[in-house]
Amino acid sequence: MSVSRLLPDAALPAFAYVPGRQPRPAHGHVVEHASPREQFAWGLDLFNHGYYWEAHEAWEVLWTRSRKETRRRMLLKGLILLAAAGVKVRQGKPDAMVRHAARAESIFLTLASASGAGRVLGLCPTTLAGDAEVVKSRGGASVPAIDDCSVVFPFALRPIDRT
């Protein structure tokens, strides 16, 4: 699946890091962008191109800076868990993949059912819950480890900009 980049001038990492398979990359492997909007877009680019650990790290920067109990923070937590599910696919840990996807789905469903529900950071929580369900339904034992940085999920995260 080919997905256009949100930050096309930002170079993607040379490889997708998988914990336990190679040494942890130097700090420069994950780039922190100037604005929160760019940092969020960077995480989407990374996720959509198979860099799940890197996407997790990019969104974690925003999550740690977000105010507690906000929809934005909840969405970021769900995305971090979805990215972690991708890492677990690469590690060949299907049960952990299912657990992370189930937790992400629960967060996205909570966001979708909240009063005043709507898009958060340009993403639809209901759509994200469906994406997490797709990951979860892949089942445990049927997911082999993947060594390259190919995309492992049959969907892309695409925000709708309302500006």
C-alpha atoms as a PDB file:
ATOM      1  CA  MET A   1       0.000   0.000   0.000  1.00  0.00           C
ATOM      2  CA  SER A   2       1.460   3.357  -0.990  1.00  0.00           C
ATOM      3  CA  VAL A   3       0.694   6.292   1.285  1.00  0.00           C
ATOM      4  CA  SER A   4       1.794   9.844   0.628  1.00  0.00           C
ATOM      5  CA  ARG A   5       4.009  11.401   3.273  1.00  0.00           C
ATOM      6  CA  LEU A   6       2.848  14.279   5.466  1.00  0.00           C
ATOM      7  CA  LEU A   7       6.443  15.475   5.963  1.00  0.00           C
ATOM      8  CA  PRO A   8       8.104  14.438   2.690  1.00  0.00           C
ATOM      9  CA  ASP A   9      11.323  16.356   3.412  1.00  0.00           C
ATOM     10  CA  ALA A  10      11.999  14.445   6.649  1.00  0.00           C
ATOM     11  CA  ALA A  11      14.162  11.415   5.889  1.00  0.00           C
ATOM     12  CA  LEU A  12      12.841   8.115   7.200  1.00  0.00           C
ATOM     13  CA  PRO A  13      15.234   6.101   9.384  1.00  0.00           C
ATOM     14  CA  ALA A  14      17.701   3.754   7.692  1.00  0.00           C
ATOM     15  CA  PHE A  15      16.037   0.759   9.352  1.00  0.00           C
ATOM     16  CA  ALA A  16      13.055  -0.136  11.522  1.00  0.00           C
ATOM     17  CA  TYR A  17      14.262  -0.895  15.031  1.00  0.00           C
ATOM     18  CA  VAL A  18      13.078  -4.107  16.654  1.00  0.00           C
ATOM     19  CA  PRO A  19      13.946  -4.507  20.344  1.00  0.00           C
ATOM     20  CA  GLY A  20      16.021  -7.608  20.934  1.00  0.00           C
ATOM     21  CA  ARG A  21      17.071  -7.930  17.302  1.00  0.00           C
ATOM     22  CA  GLN A  22      19.637  -5.172  16.983  1.00  0.00           C
ATOM     23  CA  PRO A  23      21.314  -2.658  19.262  1.00  0.00           C
ATOM     24  CA  ARG A  24      19.096   0.206  20.351  1.00  0.00           C
ATOM     25  CA  PRO A  25      19.615   3.034  17.851  1.00  0.00           C
ATOM     26  CA  ALA A  26      21.356   6.243  18.744  1.00  0.00           C
ATOM     27  CA  HIS A  27      19.175   9.178  19.808  1.00  0.00           C
ATOM     28  CA  GLY A  28      19.228  10.543  16.243  1.00  0.00           C
ATOM     29  CA  HIS A  29      17.177   7.590  14.985  1.00  0.00           C
ATOM     30  CA  VAL A  30      14.036   9.341  16.234  1.00  0.00           C
ATOM     31  CA  VAL A  31      13.748  12.989  15.279  1.00  0.00           C
ATOM     32  CA  GLU A  32      11.851  15.447  17.448  1.00  0.00           C
ATOM     33  CA  HIS A  33      10.178  18.091  15.304  1.00  0.00           C
ATOM     34  CA  ALA A  34       9.765  21.776  16.081  1.00  0.00           C
ATOM     35  CA  SER A  35       6.004  21.885  16.454  1.00  0.00           C
ATOM     36  CA  PRO A  36       3.590  19.391  18.016  1.00  0.00           C
ATOM     37  CA  ARG A  37       1.710  19.261  14.717  1.00  0.00           C
ATOM     38  CA  GLU A  38       4.881  18.242  12.863  1.00  0.00           C
ATOM     39  CA  GLN A  39       5.762  15.719  15.573  1.00  0.00           C
ATOM     40  CA  PHE A  40       2.316  14.143  15.246  1.00  0.00           C
ATOM     41  CA  ALA A  41       2.586  14.053  11.438  1.00  0.00           C
ATOM     42  CA  TRP A  42       6.064  12.526  11.775  1.00  0.00           C
ATOM     43  CA  GLY A  43       4.583   9.725  13.882  1.00  0.00           C
ATOM     44  CA  LEU A  44       1.919   9.110  11.239  1.00  0.00           C
ATOM     45  CA  ASP A  45       4.552   8.987   8.482  1.00  0.00           C
ATOM     46  CA  LEU A  46       6.626   6.540  10.490  1.00  0.00           C
ATOM     47  CA  PHE A  47       3.646   4.300  11.290  1.00  0.00           C
ATOM     48  CA  ASN A  48       2.327   4.319   7.727  1.00  0.00           C
ATOM     49  CA  HIS A  49       5.720   3.293   6.372  1.00  0.00           C
ATOM     50  CA  GLY A  50       6.420   0.431   8.786  1.00  0.00           C
ATOM     51  CA  TYR A  51       8.505   2.165  11.464  1.00  0.00           C
ATOM     52  CA  TYR A  52       6.396   1.159  14.456  1.00  0.00           C
ATOM     53  CA  TRP A  53       8.922   1.553  17.286  1.00  0.00           C
ATOM     54  CA  GLU A  54       9.885   4.945  15.870  1.00  0.00           C
ATOM     55  CA  ALA A  55       6.225   6.050  15.617  1.00  0.00           C
ATOM     56  CA  HIS A  56       5.709   4.977  19.228  1.00  0.00           C
ATOM     57  CA  GLU A  57       8.684   7.113  20.282  1.00  0.00           C
ATOM     58  CA  ALA A  58       7.515  10.131  18.249  1.00  0.00           C
ATOM     59  CA  TRP A  59       4.018  10.054  19.771  1.00  0.00           C
ATOM     60  CA  GLU A  60       5.349   9.399  23.255  1.00  0.00           C
ATOM     61  CA  VAL A  61       7.056  12.817  23.134  1.00  0.00           C
ATOM     62  CA  LEU A  62       3.624  14.402  22.651  1.00  0.00           C
ATOM     63  CA  TRP A  63       1.858  12.096  25.111  1.00  0.00           C
ATOM     64  CA  THR A  64       4.233  12.978  27.948  1.00  0.00           C
ATOM     65  CA  ARG A  65       3.642  16.684  27.307  1.00  0.00           C
ATOM     66  CA  SER A  66      -0.145  16.405  27.063  1.00  0.00           C
ATOM     67  CA  ARG A  67      -2.414  17.431  29.901  1.00  0.00           C
ATOM     68  CA  LYS A  68      -3.887  14.544  31.841  1.00  0.00           C
ATOM     69  CA  GLU A  69      -7.433  13.405  31.111  1.00  0.00           C
ATOM     70  CA  THR A  70      -7.686  14.968  27.664  1.00  0.00           C
ATOM     71  CA  ARG A  71      -9.010  13.414  24.481  1.00  0.00           C
ATOM     72  CA  ARG A  72      -5.703  14.222  22.791  1.00  0.00           C
ATOM     73  CA  ARG A  73      -3.746  12.300  25.434  1.00  0.00           C
ATOM     74  CA  MET A  74      -6.132   9.336  25.160  1.00  0.00           C
ATOM     75  CA  LEU A  75      -5.796   9.267  21.382  1.00  0.00           C
ATOM     76  CA  LEU A  76      -2.006   9.388  21.605  1.00  0.00           C
ATOM     77  CA  LYS A  77      -2.038   6.506  24.110  1.00  0.00           C
ATOM     78  CA  GLY A  78      -4.162   4.448  21.719  1.00  0.00           C
ATOM     79  CA  LEU A  79      -1.824   5.207  18.817  1.00  0.00           C
ATOM     80  CA  ILE A  80       1.193   4.288  20.940  1.00  0.00           C
ATOM     81  CA  LEU A  81      -0.431   0.939  21.735  1.00  0.00           C
ATOM     82  CA  LEU A  82      -1.275   0.351  18.064  1.00  0.00           C
ATOM     83  CA  ALA A  83       2.349   1.069  17.136  1.00  0.00           C
ATOM     84  CA  ALA A  84       3.472  -1.292  19.915  1.00  0.00           C
ATOM     85  CA  ALA A  85       1.293  -3.979  18.301  1.00  0.00           C
ATOM     86  CA  GLY A  86       3.312  -3.474  15.112  1.00  0.00           C
ATOM     87  CA  VAL A  87       6.544  -3.925  17.066  1.00  0.00           C
ATOM     88  CA  LYS A  88       5.161  -7.158  18.523  1.00  0.00           C
ATOM     89  CA  VAL A  89       4.428  -8.429  15.001  1.00  0.00           C
ATOM     90  CA  ARG A  90       8.064  -7.793  14.093  1.00  0.00           C
ATOM     91  CA  GLN A  91       9.208  -9.594  17.250  1.00  0.00           C
ATOM     92  CA  GLY A  92       7.015 -12.601  16.471  1.00  0.00           C
ATOM     93  CA  LYS A  93       4.964 -12.121  19.656  1.00  0.00           C
ATOM     94  CA  PRO A  94       1.393 -12.531  18.416  1.00  0.00           C
ATOM     95  CA  ASP A  95      -0.264 -12.733  21.836  1.00  0.00           C
ATOM     96  CA  ALA A  96       1.309  -9.423  22.852  1.00  0.00           C
ATOM     97  CA  MET A  97       0.207  -7.960  19.505  1.00  0.00           C
ATOM     98  CA  VAL A  98      -3.388  -8.933  20.246  1.00  0.00           C
ATOM     99  CA  ARG A  99      -3.212  -7.499  23.799  1.00  0.00           C
ATOM    100  CA  HIS A 100      -1.856  -4.141  22.599  1.00  0.00           C
ATOM    101  CA  ALA A 101      -4.425  -3.942  19.802  1.00  0.00           C
ATOM    102  CA  ALA A 102      -7.253  -4.769  22.221  1.00  0.00           C
ATOM    103  CA  ARG A 103      -6.141  -2.026  24.621  1.00  0.00           C
ATOM    104  CA  ALA A 104      -5.904   0.460  21.722  1.00  0.00           C
ATOM    105  CA  GLU A 105      -9.361  -0.553  20.505  1.00  0.00           C
ATOM    106  CA  SER A 106     -10.812  -0.001  23.982  1.00  0.00           C
ATOM    107  CA  ILE A 107      -9.325   3.500  24.171  1.00  0.00           C
ATOM    108  CA  PHE A 108     -10.588   4.400  20.699  1.00  0.00           C
ATOM    109  CA  LEU A 109     -14.090   3.092  21.511  1.00  0.00           C
ATOM    110  CA  THR A 110     -14.124   5.131  24.716  1.00  0.00           C
ATOM    111  CA  LEU A 111     -13.180   8.226  22.714  1.00  0.00           C
ATOM    112  CA  ALA A 112     -15.820   7.466  20.087  1.00  0.00           C
ATOM    113  CA  SER A 113     -18.586   7.117  22.678  1.00  0.00           C
ATOM    114  CA  ALA A 114     -17.630  10.208  24.688  1.00  0.00           C
ATOM    115  CA  SER A 115     -20.041  13.104  24.644  1.00  0.00           C
ATOM    116  CA  GLY A 116     -19.087  15.535  21.923  1.00  0.00           C
ATOM    117  CA  ALA A 117     -17.186  12.767  20.179  1.00  0.00           C
ATOM    118  CA  GLY A 118     -15.604  13.720  16.918  1.00  0.00           C
ATOM    119  CA  ARG A 119     -12.212  13.777  15.344  1.00  0.00           C
ATOM    120  CA  VAL A 120      -9.197  14.092  17.592  1.00  0.00           C
ATOM    121  CA  LEU A 121      -6.044  15.460  15.969  1.00  0.00           C
ATOM    122  CA  GLY A 122      -7.796  14.925  12.638  1.00  0.00           C
ATOM    123  CA  LEU A 123      -8.394  11.203  13.243  1.00  0.00           C
ATOM    124  CA  CYS A 124     -11.720   9.460  13.739  1.00  0.00           C
ATOM    125  CA  PRO A 125     -11.730   7.293  16.901  1.00  0.00           C
ATOM    126  CA  THR A 126     -14.395   4.989  15.410  1.00  0.00           C
ATOM    127  CA  THR A 127     -12.206   4.309  12.372  1.00  0.00           C
ATOM    128  CA  LEU A 128      -9.198   3.751  14.615  1.00  0.00           C
ATOM    129  CA  ALA A 129     -11.192   1.272  16.728  1.00  0.00           C
ATOM    130  CA  GLY A 130     -11.977  -0.626  13.519  1.00  0.00           C
ATOM    131  CA  ASP A 131      -8.296  -0.602  12.577  1.00  0.00           C
ATOM    132  CA  ALA A 132      -7.340  -1.940  16.003  1.00  0.00           C
ATOM    133  CA  GLU A 133     -10.017  -4.648  15.645  1.00  0.00           C
ATOM    134  CA  VAL A 134      -8.438  -5.697  12.333  1.00  0.00           C
ATOM    135  CA  VAL A 135      -5.087  -6.088  14.087  1.00  0.00           C
ATOM    136  CA  LYS A 136      -6.651  -7.923  17.025  1.00  0.00           C
ATOM    137  CA  SER A 137      -8.581 -10.299  14.767  1.00  0.00           C
ATOM    138  CA  ARG A 138      -5.401 -11.426  13.002  1.00  0.00           C
ATOM    139  CA  GLY A 139      -5.142 -13.817  15.915  1.00  0.00           C
ATOM    140  CA  GLY A 140      -2.232 -15.013  17.890  1.00  0.00           C
ATOM    141  CA  ALA A 141      -0.363 -17.917  16.365  1.00  0.00           C
ATOM    142  CA  SER A 142      -0.920 -16.916  12.722  1.00  0.00           C
ATOM    143  CA  VAL A 143       1.421 -13.905  12.825  1.00  0.00           C
ATOM    144  CA  PRO A 144       5.027 -14.628  11.821  1.00  0.00           C
ATOM    145  CA  ALA A 145       7.949 -12.388  12.786  1.00  0.00           C
ATOM    146  CA  ILE A 146       8.919  -9.880  10.082  1.00  0.00           C
ATOM    147  CA  ASP A 147      12.534  -8.798   9.751  1.00  0.00           C
ATOM    148  CA  ASP A 148      12.332  -5.882   7.345  1.00  0.00           C
ATOM    149  CA  CYS A 149      10.531  -2.534   7.597  1.00  0.00           C
ATOM    150  CA  SER A 150       7.589  -3.537   5.433  1.00  0.00           C
ATOM    151  CA  VAL A 151       4.153  -2.354   6.486  1.00  0.00           C
ATOM    152  CA  VAL A 152       2.396  -5.082   8.465  1.00  0.00           C
ATOM    153  CA  PHE A 153      -1.111  -3.646   8.734  1.00  0.00           C
ATOM    154  CA  PRO A 154      -3.685  -3.390   5.910  1.00  0.00           C
ATOM    155  CA  PHE A 155      -4.603   0.233   6.696  1.00  0.00           C
ATOM    156  CA  ALA A 156      -2.980   3.644   6.940  1.00  0.00           C
ATOM    157  CA  LEU A 157      -3.601   6.410   9.471  1.00  0.00           C
ATOM    158  CA  ARG A 158      -4.817   9.412   7.505  1.00  0.00           C
ATOM    159  CA  PRO A 159      -5.870  12.601   9.273  1.00  0.00           C
ATOM    160  CA  ILE A 160      -8.498  14.956   7.911  1.00  0.00           C
ATOM    161  CA  ASP A 161      -7.238  18.501   8.322  1.00  0.00           C
ATOM    162  CA  ARG A 162     -10.066  20.837   9.297  1.00  0.00           C
ATOM    163  CA  THR A 163      -8.087  24.046   8.862  1.00  0.00           C
END
